[in-house]
Amino acid sequence: MNLEALSAFNLVAAHGGFGRASRVTGRPKATLSRRVAELELSLGVRLIERGSKSLRLTDEGRALHERTDGLLSEIVEAGEAVVLGASTPRGRLRVSAPVVFAHVALPQIAARFALAYPEVQLEITAEDRKVDPIEDGYDLVIRIDPSPDEMLVGRRFLTDERLIVAPTDMKRPIPTTDGAVCPVKAVLLSAAPSTVFWRMSSGTAPESVLAPEPVIRLSSLLMVRDAVLAGAGAALLPQLLVADDVEAGRLACWGTHTGPSVEIWALQSSRRLIGAKVRAFLDVVEKAFPEKVFVPPV
């Protein structure tokens, strides 16, 4: 049964005629008449007697109107409820994020979100593996420097810098006028190549090139940061991870790495619509980083 045609029939029956229904609803009289005729044809029965000056329902028409008018109202109300629900953040929200970002930034963001949207059950997983939002059941994935992927859509919400930091009592290398490479004791990631160079800029000083000599190799940036704090050597780390330590004087910032910036993106499957809970979470994330670009400390 065509619900649009049924709706037209019930409007005509409720208002006592095609003309009255047209004036009240603003729908063309001809359209209402055509819809009712289509309904009668599909059911194979006459619903309205058209010969008299005033509308008269047949027995079949009266029975149909009595049994469906309330149901159609409930359907309309259900649709309105769905629309209202879709615009109100609620339900479960699963987010995957890199370990460092999850530990450094997301606890505070998650707390703000939970207080603002108590009807959402937020679940954040810290992991460095490359997850698939559909297969792994995530509404949103946060990635650092993601490669283009036509199956994912989203937006960059933060641009970070890499800083060369060291223990406060560690002697800072002095760039030579001939541009020679300066060796420095360093803490490196386990995945770092055996030979690596850090190109460093610092204020008005000329760019210098450091040759890190690994004292320790560790598997995570959090471990690297802790080793530098313990005095093991210098390291190349995201400003997001060490900004508080530099500001508090626990670490010395020698300069900014002159390589490409770090881009942090929030992504979801291109096959999914962006729901209210995802939009709300992204708004909270972006408000946590109003400048969007970190400025290295002087």
C-alpha atoms as a PDB file:
ATOM      1  CA  MET A   1       0.000   0.000   0.000  1.00  0.00           C
ATOM      2  CA  ASN A   2       1.317   3.416  -0.981  1.00  0.00           C
ATOM      3  CA  LEU A   3       1.592   5.436   2.234  1.00  0.00           C
ATOM      4  CA  GLU A   4       1.551   8.767   0.364  1.00  0.00           C
ATOM      5  CA  ALA A   5      -1.727   7.829  -1.294  1.00  0.00           C
ATOM      6  CA  LEU A   6      -3.124   6.581   2.013  1.00  0.00           C
ATOM      7  CA  SER A   7      -2.126   9.856   3.650  1.00  0.00           C
ATOM      8  CA  ALA A   8      -3.965  11.812   0.934  1.00  0.00           C
ATOM      9  CA  PHE A   9      -7.089   9.695   1.414  1.00  0.00           C
ATOM     10  CA  ASN A  10      -7.088  10.234   5.176  1.00  0.00           C
ATOM     11  CA  LEU A  11      -6.669  13.987   4.731  1.00  0.00           C
ATOM     12  CA  VAL A  12      -9.692  14.095   2.424  1.00  0.00           C
ATOM     13  CA  ALA A  13     -11.717  11.891   4.759  1.00  0.00           C
ATOM     14  CA  ALA A  14     -10.785  13.913   7.845  1.00  0.00           C
ATOM     15  CA  HIS A  15     -11.589  17.305   6.258  1.00  0.00           C
ATOM     16  CA  GLY A  16     -14.757  16.182   4.524  1.00  0.00           C
ATOM     17  CA  GLY A  17     -13.806  16.785   0.920  1.00  0.00           C
ATOM     18  CA  PHE A  18     -11.044  17.370  -1.615  1.00  0.00           C
ATOM     19  CA  GLY A  19     -11.507  21.148  -1.644  1.00  0.00           C
ATOM     20  CA  ARG A  20     -11.374  21.517   2.148  1.00  0.00           C
ATOM     21  CA  ALA A  21      -8.367  19.238   2.433  1.00  0.00           C
ATOM     22  CA  SER A  22      -6.607  21.233  -0.266  1.00  0.00           C
ATOM     23  CA  ARG A  23      -7.283  24.586   1.446  1.00  0.00           C
ATOM     24  CA  VAL A  24      -6.160  23.371   4.873  1.00  0.00           C
ATOM     25  CA  THR A  25      -3.032  21.537   3.775  1.00  0.00           C
ATOM     26  CA  GLY A  26      -1.994  23.619   0.773  1.00  0.00           C
ATOM     27  CA  ARG A  27      -1.766  20.497  -1.403  1.00  0.00           C
ATOM     28  CA  PRO A  28      -3.323  20.791  -4.889  1.00  0.00           C
ATOM     29  CA  LYS A  29      -6.839  19.392  -5.141  1.00  0.00           C
ATOM     30  CA  ALA A  30      -5.919  17.540  -8.331  1.00  0.00           C
ATOM     31  CA  THR A  31      -2.994  15.831  -6.586  1.00  0.00           C
ATOM     32  CA  LEU A  32      -5.194  14.679  -3.717  1.00  0.00           C
ATOM     33  CA  SER A  33      -7.773  13.340  -6.173  1.00  0.00           C
ATOM     34  CA  ARG A  34      -5.118  11.486  -8.161  1.00  0.00           C
ATOM     35  CA  ARG A  35      -3.608   9.915  -5.043  1.00  0.00           C
ATOM     36  CA  VAL A  36      -6.988   8.698  -3.815  1.00  0.00           C
ATOM     37  CA  ALA A  37      -7.758   7.241  -7.248  1.00  0.00           C
ATOM     38  CA  GLU A  38      -4.408   5.421  -7.223  1.00  0.00           C
ATOM     39  CA  LEU A  39      -5.215   3.986  -3.774  1.00  0.00           C
ATOM     40  CA  GLU A  40      -8.639   2.803  -4.913  1.00  0.00           C
ATOM     41  CA  LEU A  41      -7.099   1.189  -7.977  1.00  0.00           C
ATOM     42  CA  SER A  42      -4.432  -0.600  -5.937  1.00  0.00           C
ATOM     43  CA  LEU A  43      -7.009  -1.920  -3.444  1.00  0.00           C
ATOM     44  CA  GLY A  44      -9.666  -2.688  -6.056  1.00  0.00           C
ATOM     45  CA  VAL A  45     -12.470  -1.003  -4.077  1.00  0.00           C
ATOM     46  CA  ARG A  46     -14.288   2.325  -4.094  1.00  0.00           C
ATOM     47  CA  LEU A  47     -13.405   4.405  -1.042  1.00  0.00           C
ATOM     48  CA  ILE A  48     -15.270   7.664  -1.749  1.00  0.00           C
ATOM     49  CA  GLU A  49     -18.641   8.291  -3.425  1.00  0.00           C
ATOM     50  CA  ARG A  50     -18.077  11.261  -5.721  1.00  0.00           C
ATOM     51  CA  GLY A  51     -21.591  11.742  -7.029  1.00  0.00           C
ATOM     52  CA  SER A  52     -22.999  13.791  -4.159  1.00  0.00           C
ATOM     53  CA  LYS A  53     -22.258  17.414  -3.348  1.00  0.00           C
ATOM     54  CA  SER A  54     -20.780  16.442   0.010  1.00  0.00           C
ATOM     55  CA  LEU A  55     -18.177  13.734   0.347  1.00  0.00           C
ATOM     56  CA  ARG A  56     -19.375  10.357   1.500  1.00  0.00           C
ATOM     57  CA  LEU A  57     -17.135   7.461   2.396  1.00  0.00           C
ATOM     58  CA  THR A  58     -18.077   3.986   1.347  1.00  0.00           C
ATOM     59  CA  ASP A  59     -18.163   1.290   4.006  1.00  0.00           C
ATOM     60  CA  GLU A  60     -14.713   0.195   2.852  1.00  0.00           C
ATOM     61  CA  GLY A  61     -13.479   3.789   2.937  1.00  0.00           C
ATOM     62  CA  ARG A  62     -14.837   4.359   6.450  1.00  0.00           C
ATOM     63  CA  ALA A  63     -13.213   1.161   7.711  1.00  0.00           C
ATOM     64  CA  LEU A  64      -9.888   2.039   6.114  1.00  0.00           C
ATOM     65  CA  HIS A  65      -9.928   5.564   7.540  1.00  0.00           C
ATOM     66  CA  GLU A  66     -10.807   4.406  11.048  1.00  0.00           C
ATOM     67  CA  ARG A  67      -8.059   1.769  11.082  1.00  0.00           C
ATOM     68  CA  THR A  68      -5.206   3.760   9.462  1.00  0.00           C
ATOM     69  CA  ASP A  69      -5.611   7.417  10.431  1.00  0.00           C
ATOM     70  CA  GLY A  70      -4.147   6.880  13.906  1.00  0.00           C
ATOM     71  CA  LEU A  71      -1.423   4.618  12.548  1.00  0.00           C
ATOM     72  CA  LEU A  72      -0.278   7.271  10.081  1.00  0.00           C
ATOM     73  CA  SER A  73      -0.109   9.825  12.893  1.00  0.00           C
ATOM     74  CA  GLU A  74       2.058   7.425  14.870  1.00  0.00           C
ATOM     75  CA  ILE A  75       4.309   6.916  11.840  1.00  0.00           C
ATOM     76  CA  VAL A  76       4.735  10.695  11.471  1.00  0.00           C
ATOM     77  CA  GLU A  77       5.495  11.013  15.189  1.00  0.00           C
ATOM     78  CA  ALA A  78       7.996   8.148  14.953  1.00  0.00           C
ATOM     79  CA  GLY A  79       9.751   9.875  12.059  1.00  0.00           C
ATOM     80  CA  GLU A  80       9.939  13.133  14.000  1.00  0.00           C
ATOM     81  CA  ALA A  81      11.369  11.243  16.964  1.00  0.00           C
ATOM     82  CA  VAL A  82      14.043   9.684  14.746  1.00  0.00           C
ATOM     83  CA  VAL A  83      14.981  13.090  13.344  1.00  0.00           C
ATOM     84  CA  LEU A  84      15.167  14.539  16.855  1.00  0.00           C
ATOM     85  CA  GLY A  85      17.225  11.585  18.026  1.00  0.00           C
ATOM     86  CA  ALA A  86      19.583  11.912  15.071  1.00  0.00           C
ATOM     87  CA  SER A  87      20.248  15.547  15.994  1.00  0.00           C
ATOM     88  CA  THR A  88      20.851  14.768  19.672  1.00  0.00           C
ATOM     89  CA  PRO A  89      24.180  13.067  20.518  1.00  0.00           C
ATOM     90  CA  ARG A  90      23.435   9.752  22.200  1.00  0.00           C
ATOM     91  CA  GLY A  91      24.504   6.122  22.109  1.00  0.00           C
ATOM     92  CA  ARG A  92      27.919   4.482  21.938  1.00  0.00           C
ATOM     93  CA  LEU A  93      30.877   6.303  20.361  1.00  0.00           C
ATOM     94  CA  ARG A  94      34.049   4.296  19.695  1.00  0.00           C
ATOM     95  CA  VAL A  95      37.288   6.139  18.902  1.00  0.00           C
ATOM     96  CA  SER A  96      40.727   4.752  18.027  1.00  0.00           C
ATOM     97  CA  ALA A  97      43.746   6.991  18.571  1.00  0.00           C
ATOM     98  CA  PRO A  98      47.566   6.712  18.525  1.00  0.00           C
ATOM     99  CA  VAL A  99      49.015   5.858  21.919  1.00  0.00           C
ATOM    100  CA  VAL A 100      50.862   9.153  22.469  1.00  0.00           C
ATOM    101  CA  PHE A 101      47.952  11.365  21.452  1.00  0.00           C
ATOM    102  CA  ALA A 102      45.514   9.244  23.444  1.00  0.00           C
ATOM    103  CA  HIS A 103      47.592   9.460  26.621  1.00  0.00           C
ATOM    104  CA  VAL A 104      48.605  13.119  26.338  1.00  0.00           C
ATOM    105  CA  ALA A 105      45.470  14.832  25.030  1.00  0.00           C
ATOM    106  CA  LEU A 106      42.411  12.606  25.081  1.00  0.00           C
ATOM    107  CA  PRO A 107      41.791  12.096  28.830  1.00  0.00           C
ATOM    108  CA  GLN A 108      41.011  15.810  29.260  1.00  0.00           C
ATOM    109  CA  ILE A 109      39.025  15.938  26.007  1.00  0.00           C
ATOM    110  CA  ALA A 110      37.084  12.808  26.966  1.00  0.00           C
ATOM    111  CA  ALA A 111      36.198  14.283  30.350  1.00  0.00           C
ATOM    112  CA  ARG A 112      34.882  17.502  28.776  1.00  0.00           C
ATOM    113  CA  PHE A 113      32.881  15.497  26.252  1.00  0.00           C
ATOM    114  CA  ALA A 114      31.376  13.216  28.907  1.00  0.00           C
ATOM    115  CA  LEU A 115      30.243  16.197  30.971  1.00  0.00           C
ATOM    116  CA  ALA A 116      28.736  17.952  27.946  1.00  0.00           C
ATOM    117  CA  TYR A 117      27.053  14.860  26.434  1.00  0.00           C
ATOM    118  CA  PRO A 118      26.006  12.473  29.212  1.00  0.00           C
ATOM    119  CA  GLU A 119      23.818  10.417  26.848  1.00  0.00           C
ATOM    120  CA  VAL A 120      26.879   9.268  24.857  1.00  0.00           C
ATOM    121  CA  GLN A 121      28.916   6.283  26.032  1.00  0.00           C
ATOM    122  CA  LEU A 122      32.420   7.240  24.883  1.00  0.00           C
ATOM    123  CA  GLU A 123      35.005   4.494  24.419  1.00  0.00           C
ATOM    124  CA  ILE A 124      38.578   5.411  23.395  1.00  0.00           C
ATOM    125  CA  THR A 125      41.187   2.796  22.493  1.00  0.00           C
ATOM    126  CA  ALA A 126      44.875   3.755  22.453  1.00  0.00           C
ATOM    127  CA  GLU A 127      46.654   1.797  19.725  1.00  0.00           C
ATOM    128  CA  ASP A 128      49.233   2.416  17.039  1.00  0.00           C
ATOM    129  CA  ARG A 129      47.981  -0.195  14.566  1.00  0.00           C
ATOM    130  CA  LYS A 130      46.191   0.954  11.410  1.00  0.00           C
ATOM    131  CA  VAL A 131      42.564   0.098  12.118  1.00  0.00           C
ATOM    132  CA  ASP A 132      39.684  -0.179   9.657  1.00  0.00           C
ATOM    133  CA  PRO A 133      36.678   1.832  10.938  1.00  0.00           C
ATOM    134  CA  ILE A 134      34.133  -0.566   9.412  1.00  0.00           C
ATOM    135  CA  GLU A 135      35.786  -3.908  10.166  1.00  0.00           C
ATOM    136  CA  ASP A 136      36.959  -2.869  13.646  1.00  0.00           C
ATOM    137  CA  GLY A 137      33.730  -1.102  14.537  1.00  0.00           C
ATOM    138  CA  TYR A 138      35.037   2.422  15.142  1.00  0.00           C
ATOM    139  CA  ASP A 139      33.003   5.573  14.579  1.00  0.00           C
ATOM    140  CA  LEU A 140      36.173   7.679  14.355  1.00  0.00           C
ATOM    141  CA  VAL A 141      39.896   7.055  13.998  1.00  0.00           C
ATOM    142  CA  ILE A 142      42.636   9.578  14.750  1.00  0.00           C
ATOM    143  CA  ARG A 143      45.768   9.251  12.652  1.00  0.00           C
ATOM    144  CA  ILE A 144      49.075  11.065  12.411  1.00  0.00           C
ATOM    145  CA  ASP A 145      50.248  11.985   8.895  1.00  0.00           C
ATOM    146  CA  PRO A 146      47.723   9.644   7.223  1.00  0.00           C
ATOM    147  CA  SER A 147      48.248   8.642   3.617  1.00  0.00           C
ATOM    148  CA  PRO A 148      45.410   9.522   1.205  1.00  0.00           C
ATOM    149  CA  ASP A 149      42.630   6.931   1.341  1.00  0.00           C
ATOM    150  CA  GLU A 150      39.465   7.230  -0.747  1.00  0.00           C
ATOM    151  CA  MET A 151      37.630   5.027   1.769  1.00  0.00           C
ATOM    152  CA  LEU A 152      38.194   7.561   4.575  1.00  0.00           C
ATOM    153  CA  VAL A 153      37.010  11.146   4.971  1.00  0.00           C
ATOM    154  CA  GLY A 154      37.668  13.665   7.707  1.00  0.00           C
ATOM    155  CA  ARG A 155      39.545  16.758   8.641  1.00  0.00           C
ATOM    156  CA  ARG A 156      42.885  17.857  10.014  1.00  0.00           C
ATOM    157  CA  PHE A 157      42.393  19.376  13.435  1.00  0.00           C
ATOM    158  CA  LEU A 158      45.997  19.936  14.525  1.00  0.00           C
ATOM    159  CA  THR A 159      49.425  20.626  13.081  1.00  0.00           C
ATOM    160  CA  ASP A 160      52.306  19.854  15.419  1.00  0.00           C
ATOM    161  CA  GLU A 161      56.080  20.393  15.273  1.00  0.00           C
ATOM    162  CA  ARG A 162      58.939  18.098  16.209  1.00  0.00           C
ATOM    163  CA  LEU A 163      61.319  19.520  18.783  1.00  0.00           C
ATOM    164  CA  ILE A 164      64.845  18.509  19.691  1.00  0.00           C
ATOM    165  CA  VAL A 165      64.844  18.323  23.467  1.00  0.00           C
ATOM    166  CA  ALA A 166      67.450  17.299  26.022  1.00  0.00           C
ATOM    167  CA  PRO A 167      68.076  17.117  29.771  1.00  0.00           C
ATOM    168  CA  THR A 168      68.541  20.586  31.204  1.00  0.00           C
ATOM    169  CA  ASP A 169      72.117  19.839  32.291  1.00  0.00           C
ATOM    170  CA  MET A 170      73.181  18.448  28.908  1.00  0.00           C
ATOM    171  CA  LYS A 171      75.565  20.652  26.937  1.00  0.00           C
ATOM    172  CA  ARG A 172      73.996  22.055  23.825  1.00  0.00           C
ATOM    173  CA  PRO A 173      76.052  21.555  20.626  1.00  0.00           C
ATOM    174  CA  ILE A 174      77.428  24.730  19.094  1.00  0.00           C
ATOM    175  CA  PRO A 175      77.009  24.904  15.304  1.00  0.00           C
ATOM    176  CA  THR A 176      80.269  25.312  13.432  1.00  0.00           C
ATOM    177  CA  THR A 177      80.734  27.998  10.834  1.00  0.00           C
ATOM    178  CA  ASP A 178      81.694  25.430   8.196  1.00  0.00           C
ATOM    179  CA  GLY A 179      78.388  23.557   8.601  1.00  0.00           C
ATOM    180  CA  ALA A 180      79.951  20.379   9.987  1.00  0.00           C
ATOM    181  CA  VAL A 181      77.713  17.753  11.557  1.00  0.00           C
ATOM    182  CA  CYS A 182      77.559  17.847  15.370  1.00  0.00           C
ATOM    183  CA  PRO A 183      77.450  14.443  17.120  1.00  0.00           C
ATOM    184  CA  VAL A 184      75.096  14.196  20.104  1.00  0.00           C
ATOM    185  CA  LYS A 185      74.182  11.428  22.563  1.00  0.00           C
ATOM    186  CA  ALA A 186      70.556  10.540  21.866  1.00  0.00           C
ATOM    187  CA  VAL A 187      67.563   8.365  22.694  1.00  0.00           C
ATOM    188  CA  LEU A 188      66.014   6.943  19.535  1.00  0.00           C
ATOM    189  CA  LEU A 189      62.997   4.915  18.609  1.00  0.00           C
ATOM    190  CA  SER A 190      63.634   1.249  17.927  1.00  0.00           C
ATOM    191  CA  ALA A 191      62.290   1.689  14.392  1.00  0.00           C
ATOM    192  CA  ALA A 192      64.656   4.576  13.572  1.00  0.00           C
ATOM    193  CA  PRO A 193      67.243   3.833  10.858  1.00  0.00           C
ATOM    194  CA  SER A 194      70.806   3.109  11.872  1.00  0.00           C
ATOM    195  CA  THR A 195      71.980   6.368  10.313  1.00  0.00           C
ATOM    196  CA  VAL A 196      69.878   9.461  10.895  1.00  0.00           C
ATOM    197  CA  PHE A 197      70.414  13.226  10.983  1.00  0.00           C
ATOM    198  CA  TRP A 198      68.449  15.972  12.701  1.00  0.00           C
ATOM    199  CA  ARG A 199      68.296  19.323  10.929  1.00  0.00           C
ATOM    200  CA  MET A 200      67.665  21.953  13.600  1.00  0.00           C
ATOM    201  CA  SER A 201      66.694  25.605  13.488  1.00  0.00           C
ATOM    202  CA  SER A 202      66.753  27.801  16.572  1.00  0.00           C
ATOM    203  CA  GLY A 203      65.743  31.452  16.470  1.00  0.00           C
ATOM    204  CA  THR A 204      68.143  33.557  14.437  1.00  0.00           C
ATOM    205  CA  ALA A 205      70.981  31.028  14.688  1.00  0.00           C
ATOM    206  CA  PRO A 206      71.993  29.295  11.459  1.00  0.00           C
ATOM    207  CA  GLU A 207      70.542  25.865  10.809  1.00  0.00           C
ATOM    208  CA  SER A 208      72.651  23.072  12.231  1.00  0.00           C
ATOM    209  CA  VAL A 209      72.806  19.358  11.539  1.00  0.00           C
ATOM    210  CA  LEU A 210      72.996  16.927  14.455  1.00  0.00           C
ATOM    211  CA  ALA A 211      74.142  13.320  14.176  1.00  0.00           C
ATOM    212  CA  PRO A 212      72.400  11.420  17.006  1.00  0.00           C
ATOM    213  CA  GLU A 213      74.481   8.636  18.526  1.00  0.00           C
ATOM    214  CA  PRO A 214      72.011   6.221  20.144  1.00  0.00           C
ATOM    215  CA  VAL A 215      72.509   5.563  23.830  1.00  0.00           C
ATOM    216  CA  ILE A 216      69.182   3.737  24.071  1.00  0.00           C
ATOM    217  CA  ARG A 217      66.587   2.567  21.559  1.00  0.00           C
ATOM    218  CA  LEU A 218      63.010   2.352  22.819  1.00  0.00           C
ATOM    219  CA  SER A 219      59.761   1.235  21.204  1.00  0.00           C
ATOM    220  CA  SER A 220      57.495   4.176  22.094  1.00  0.00           C
ATOM    221  CA  LEU A 221      57.679   7.949  22.190  1.00  0.00           C
ATOM    222  CA  LEU A 222      56.440   7.947  25.773  1.00  0.00           C
ATOM    223  CA  MET A 223      59.419   5.795  26.781  1.00  0.00           C
ATOM    224  CA  VAL A 224      61.763   8.057  24.841  1.00  0.00           C
ATOM    225  CA  ARG A 225      60.405  11.141  26.638  1.00  0.00           C
ATOM    226  CA  ASP A 226      60.821   9.493  30.039  1.00  0.00           C
ATOM    227  CA  ALA A 227      64.399   8.464  29.204  1.00  0.00           C
ATOM    228  CA  VAL A 228      65.281  12.039  28.243  1.00  0.00           C
ATOM    229  CA  LEU A 229      63.737  13.287  31.492  1.00  0.00           C
ATOM    230  CA  ALA A 230      65.942  10.772  33.308  1.00  0.00           C
ATOM    231  CA  GLY A 231      69.024  12.313  31.670  1.00  0.00           C
ATOM    232  CA  ALA A 232      69.868   9.643  29.061  1.00  0.00           C
ATOM    233  CA  GLY A 233      70.319  12.005  26.109  1.00  0.00           C
ATOM    234  CA  ALA A 234      68.612  14.232  23.546  1.00  0.00           C
ATOM    235  CA  ALA A 235      65.625  13.184  21.453  1.00  0.00           C
ATOM    236  CA  LEU A 236      63.391  14.298  18.601  1.00  0.00           C
ATOM    237  CA  LEU A 237      59.832  14.423  19.970  1.00  0.00           C
ATOM    238  CA  PRO A 238      56.445  15.973  19.121  1.00  0.00           C
ATOM    239  CA  GLN A 239      55.809  19.274  20.822  1.00  0.00           C
ATOM    240  CA  LEU A 240      52.439  17.968  21.972  1.00  0.00           C
ATOM    241  CA  LEU A 241      54.294  15.414  24.086  1.00  0.00           C
ATOM    242  CA  VAL A 242      56.960  17.657  25.617  1.00  0.00           C
ATOM    243  CA  ALA A 243      55.470  21.175  25.675  1.00  0.00           C
ATOM    244  CA  ASP A 244      54.599  21.005  29.383  1.00  0.00           C
ATOM    245  CA  ASP A 245      58.050  19.654  30.284  1.00  0.00           C
ATOM    246  CA  VAL A 246      59.769  22.433  28.357  1.00  0.00           C
ATOM    247  CA  GLU A 247      57.541  25.113  29.876  1.00  0.00           C
ATOM    248  CA  ALA A 248      58.132  23.764  33.391  1.00  0.00           C
ATOM    249  CA  GLY A 249      61.898  23.671  32.869  1.00  0.00           C
ATOM    250  CA  ARG A 250      62.179  19.894  33.128  1.00  0.00           C
ATOM    251  CA  LEU A 251      63.557  19.678  29.576  1.00  0.00           C
ATOM    252  CA  ALA A 252      65.616  22.038  27.461  1.00  0.00           C
ATOM    253  CA  CYS A 253      64.430  22.764  23.922  1.00  0.00           C
ATOM    254  CA  TRP A 254      67.397  23.102  21.599  1.00  0.00           C
ATOM    255  CA  GLY A 255      65.368  23.910  18.517  1.00  0.00           C
ATOM    256  CA  THR A 256      62.790  22.867  15.973  1.00  0.00           C
ATOM    257  CA  HIS A 257      63.291  20.095  13.480  1.00  0.00           C
ATOM    258  CA  THR A 258      63.175  21.608  10.001  1.00  0.00           C
ATOM    259  CA  GLY A 259      61.465  18.612   8.424  1.00  0.00           C
ATOM    260  CA  PRO A 260      57.769  18.491   7.563  1.00  0.00           C
ATOM    261  CA  SER A 261      55.205  19.295  10.250  1.00  0.00           C
ATOM    262  CA  VAL A 262      53.111  16.614  11.905  1.00  0.00           C
ATOM    263  CA  GLU A 263      49.453  16.566  10.794  1.00  0.00           C
ATOM    264  CA  ILE A 264      46.826  14.975  13.025  1.00  0.00           C
ATOM    265  CA  TRP A 265      43.539  13.987  11.370  1.00  0.00           C
ATOM    266  CA  ALA A 266      40.180  12.663  12.536  1.00  0.00           C
ATOM    267  CA  LEU A 267      38.816  10.215   9.973  1.00  0.00           C
ATOM    268  CA  GLN A 268      35.808   7.983   9.435  1.00  0.00           C
ATOM    269  CA  SER A 269      34.556   5.667   6.725  1.00  0.00           C
ATOM    270  CA  SER A 270      33.318   7.471   3.621  1.00  0.00           C
ATOM    271  CA  ARG A 271      30.411   5.008   3.599  1.00  0.00           C
ATOM    272  CA  ARG A 272      28.985   6.428   6.810  1.00  0.00           C
ATOM    273  CA  LEU A 273      27.068   9.626   7.406  1.00  0.00           C
ATOM    274  CA  ILE A 274      28.539  11.939  10.027  1.00  0.00           C
ATOM    275  CA  GLY A 275      26.231  11.493  13.002  1.00  0.00           C
ATOM    276  CA  ALA A 276      25.493  13.948  15.788  1.00  0.00           C
ATOM    277  CA  LYS A 277      27.755  12.196  18.308  1.00  0.00           C
ATOM    278  CA  VAL A 278      30.739  12.276  15.923  1.00  0.00           C
ATOM    279  CA  ARG A 279      30.172  15.954  15.119  1.00  0.00           C
ATOM    280  CA  ALA A 280      29.905  16.742  18.821  1.00  0.00           C
ATOM    281  CA  PHE A 281      33.142  14.918  19.624  1.00  0.00           C
ATOM    282  CA  LEU A 282      35.012  16.688  16.821  1.00  0.00           C
ATOM    283  CA  ASP A 283      33.750  20.048  18.096  1.00  0.00           C
ATOM    284  CA  VAL A 284      35.146  19.293  21.562  1.00  0.00           C
ATOM    285  CA  VAL A 285      38.467  18.169  20.050  1.00  0.00           C
ATOM    286  CA  GLU A 286      38.817  21.307  17.933  1.00  0.00           C
ATOM    287  CA  LYS A 287      37.951  23.572  20.865  1.00  0.00           C
ATOM    288  CA  ALA A 288      40.806  21.929  22.776  1.00  0.00           C
ATOM    289  CA  PHE A 289      43.210  23.172  20.072  1.00  0.00           C
ATOM    290  CA  PRO A 290      41.885  26.617  19.069  1.00  0.00           C
ATOM    291  CA  GLU A 291      45.142  27.656  17.411  1.00  0.00           C
ATOM    292  CA  LYS A 292      45.400  24.335  15.511  1.00  0.00           C
ATOM    293  CA  VAL A 293      49.121  24.944  14.971  1.00  0.00           C
ATOM    294  CA  PHE A 294      51.596  24.610  17.815  1.00  0.00           C
ATOM    295  CA  VAL A 295      54.170  27.359  18.129  1.00  0.00           C
ATOM    296  CA  PRO A 296      57.603  26.136  19.272  1.00  0.00           C
ATOM    297  CA  PRO A 297      58.818  27.724  22.521  1.00  0.00           C
ATOM    298  CA  VAL A 298      61.391  30.514  22.187  1.00  0.00           C
END
